[in-house]
């Protein structure tokens, strides 16, 4: 089985051991051939609470951890320049 991985930006870390990650995907419109951008938010399990708002992260699909949380944090690709 292939493990799904996505790259996104952390937009919220207000919950305990959970981060909200925004993942953007680009696709071509079937009729007009314009490049469109679609974004989706994922709830991600962050066990050690390492990530902060604005970080670019790699997430991986896993078993359901709660009602909406089915992704886990694998790696922080780049740290944000924002200081909390």
C-alpha atoms as a PDB file:
ATOM      1  CA  UNK A   1       0.000   0.000   0.000  1.00  0.00           C
ATOM      2  CA  UNK A   2       1.262   3.438  -0.948  1.00  0.00           C
ATOM      3  CA  UNK A   3       1.475   5.961   1.886  1.00  0.00           C
ATOM      4  CA  UNK A   4       0.044   9.379   0.991  1.00  0.00           C
ATOM      5  CA  UNK A   5       2.225  12.376   1.793  1.00  0.00           C
ATOM      6  CA  UNK A   6       1.514  16.062   1.286  1.00  0.00           C
ATOM      7  CA  UNK A   7       3.377  19.338   1.805  1.00  0.00           C
ATOM      8  CA  UNK A   8       1.597  22.305   3.339  1.00  0.00           C
ATOM      9  CA  UNK A   9       1.828  25.367   5.563  1.00  0.00           C
ATOM     10  CA  UNK A  10       0.809  25.412   9.232  1.00  0.00           C
ATOM     11  CA  UNK A  11      -1.937  27.974   9.813  1.00  0.00           C
ATOM     12  CA  UNK A  12      -2.885  27.221  13.437  1.00  0.00           C
ATOM     13  CA  UNK A  13      -1.366  25.500  16.472  1.00  0.00           C
ATOM     14  CA  UNK A  14      -3.917  26.516  19.117  1.00  0.00           C
ATOM     15  CA  UNK A  15      -5.009  22.957  19.969  1.00  0.00           C
ATOM     16  CA  UNK A  16      -3.044  20.504  22.107  1.00  0.00           C
ATOM     17  CA  UNK A  17      -0.895  18.152  19.975  1.00  0.00           C
ATOM     18  CA  UNK A  18      -2.784  19.244  16.842  1.00  0.00           C
ATOM     19  CA  UNK A  19      -1.925  21.606  14.013  1.00  0.00           C
ATOM     20  CA  UNK A  20      -4.049  22.819  11.123  1.00  0.00           C
ATOM     21  CA  UNK A  21      -2.171  22.538   7.821  1.00  0.00           C
ATOM     22  CA  UNK A  22      -3.275  24.202   4.581  1.00  0.00           C
ATOM     23  CA  UNK A  23      -2.350  22.190   1.462  1.00  0.00           C
ATOM     24  CA  UNK A  24      -2.646  23.861  -1.941  1.00  0.00           C
ATOM     25  CA  UNK A  25      -2.914  21.890  -5.177  1.00  0.00           C
ATOM     26  CA  UNK A  26      -2.804  23.255  -8.704  1.00  0.00           C
ATOM     27  CA  UNK A  27      -4.733  21.831 -11.643  1.00  0.00           C
ATOM     28  CA  UNK A  28      -5.738  22.820 -15.143  1.00  0.00           C
ATOM     29  CA  UNK A  29      -9.374  23.737 -15.757  1.00  0.00           C
ATOM     30  CA  UNK A  30     -10.835  21.172 -18.173  1.00  0.00           C
ATOM     31  CA  UNK A  31     -12.588  23.672 -20.455  1.00  0.00           C
ATOM     32  CA  UNK A  32     -10.609  26.907 -20.173  1.00  0.00           C
ATOM     33  CA  UNK A  33      -7.097  25.465 -19.586  1.00  0.00           C
ATOM     34  CA  UNK A  34      -6.483  28.031 -16.840  1.00  0.00           C
ATOM     35  CA  UNK A  35      -4.331  26.972 -13.904  1.00  0.00           C
ATOM     36  CA  UNK A  36      -6.567  26.865 -10.819  1.00  0.00           C
ATOM     37  CA  UNK A  37      -5.519  26.583  -7.168  1.00  0.00           C
ATOM     38  CA  UNK A  38      -7.476  24.496  -4.706  1.00  0.00           C
ATOM     39  CA  UNK A  39      -6.702  24.545  -0.982  1.00  0.00           C
ATOM     40  CA  UNK A  40      -7.740  22.158   1.765  1.00  0.00           C
ATOM     41  CA  UNK A  41      -7.143  22.166   5.520  1.00  0.00           C
ATOM     42  CA  UNK A  42      -6.009  19.034   7.357  1.00  0.00           C
ATOM     43  CA  UNK A  43      -5.862  18.390  11.101  1.00  0.00           C
ATOM     44  CA  UNK A  44      -2.418  16.965  11.810  1.00  0.00           C
ATOM     45  CA  UNK A  45      -1.143  15.144  14.905  1.00  0.00           C
ATOM     46  CA  UNK A  46       1.964  16.887  16.283  1.00  0.00           C
ATOM     47  CA  UNK A  47       3.055  14.764  19.259  1.00  0.00           C
ATOM     48  CA  UNK A  48       5.865  17.011  20.550  1.00  0.00           C
ATOM     49  CA  UNK A  49       4.288  20.305  19.424  1.00  0.00           C
ATOM     50  CA  UNK A  50       7.359  21.233  17.375  1.00  0.00           C
ATOM     51  CA  UNK A  51       5.746  23.238  14.579  1.00  0.00           C
ATOM     52  CA  UNK A  52       4.635  26.879  14.666  1.00  0.00           C
ATOM     53  CA  UNK A  53       2.433  29.039  12.455  1.00  0.00           C
ATOM     54  CA  UNK A  54       3.929  29.594   8.997  1.00  0.00           C
ATOM     55  CA  UNK A  55       6.157  26.488   8.969  1.00  0.00           C
ATOM     56  CA  UNK A  56       6.273  24.403   5.801  1.00  0.00           C
ATOM     57  CA  UNK A  57       5.722  20.758   6.816  1.00  0.00           C
ATOM     58  CA  UNK A  58       5.503  17.248   5.380  1.00  0.00           C
ATOM     59  CA  UNK A  59       2.448  15.282   6.556  1.00  0.00           C
ATOM     60  CA  UNK A  60       1.587  11.616   6.145  1.00  0.00           C
ATOM     61  CA  UNK A  61      -1.714   9.756   6.233  1.00  0.00           C
ATOM     62  CA  UNK A  62      -2.236   7.431   9.220  1.00  0.00           C
ATOM     63  CA  UNK A  63      -4.965   5.625  11.117  1.00  0.00           C
ATOM     64  CA  UNK A  64      -7.811   7.741  12.538  1.00  0.00           C
ATOM     65  CA  UNK A  65      -6.648   9.446  15.729  1.00  0.00           C
ATOM     66  CA  UNK A  66      -9.881  11.347  16.386  1.00  0.00           C
ATOM     67  CA  UNK A  67     -13.057  12.322  14.547  1.00  0.00           C
ATOM     68  CA  UNK A  68     -11.284  14.565  12.009  1.00  0.00           C
ATOM     69  CA  UNK A  69      -7.578  13.847  12.578  1.00  0.00           C
ATOM     70  CA  UNK A  70      -6.125  11.306  10.117  1.00  0.00           C
ATOM     71  CA  UNK A  71      -2.701  12.803   9.333  1.00  0.00           C
ATOM     72  CA  UNK A  72       0.551  12.978  11.292  1.00  0.00           C
ATOM     73  CA  UNK A  73       3.518  15.320  11.131  1.00  0.00           C
ATOM     74  CA  UNK A  74       6.584  13.718   9.551  1.00  0.00           C
ATOM     75  CA  UNK A  75       9.058  16.570   9.119  1.00  0.00           C
ATOM     76  CA  UNK A  76       9.361  20.340   9.279  1.00  0.00           C
ATOM     77  CA  UNK A  77      10.827  21.381   5.915  1.00  0.00           C
ATOM     78  CA  UNK A  78      11.356  25.090   6.634  1.00  0.00           C
ATOM     79  CA  UNK A  79      10.822  27.064   9.820  1.00  0.00           C
ATOM     80  CA  UNK A  80       8.850  30.272   9.690  1.00  0.00           C
ATOM     81  CA  UNK A  81      10.447  33.656  10.183  1.00  0.00           C
ATOM     82  CA  UNK A  82       7.430  34.669  12.310  1.00  0.00           C
ATOM     83  CA  UNK A  83       8.122  34.904  16.029  1.00  0.00           C
ATOM     84  CA  UNK A  84       5.278  34.033  18.397  1.00  0.00           C
END
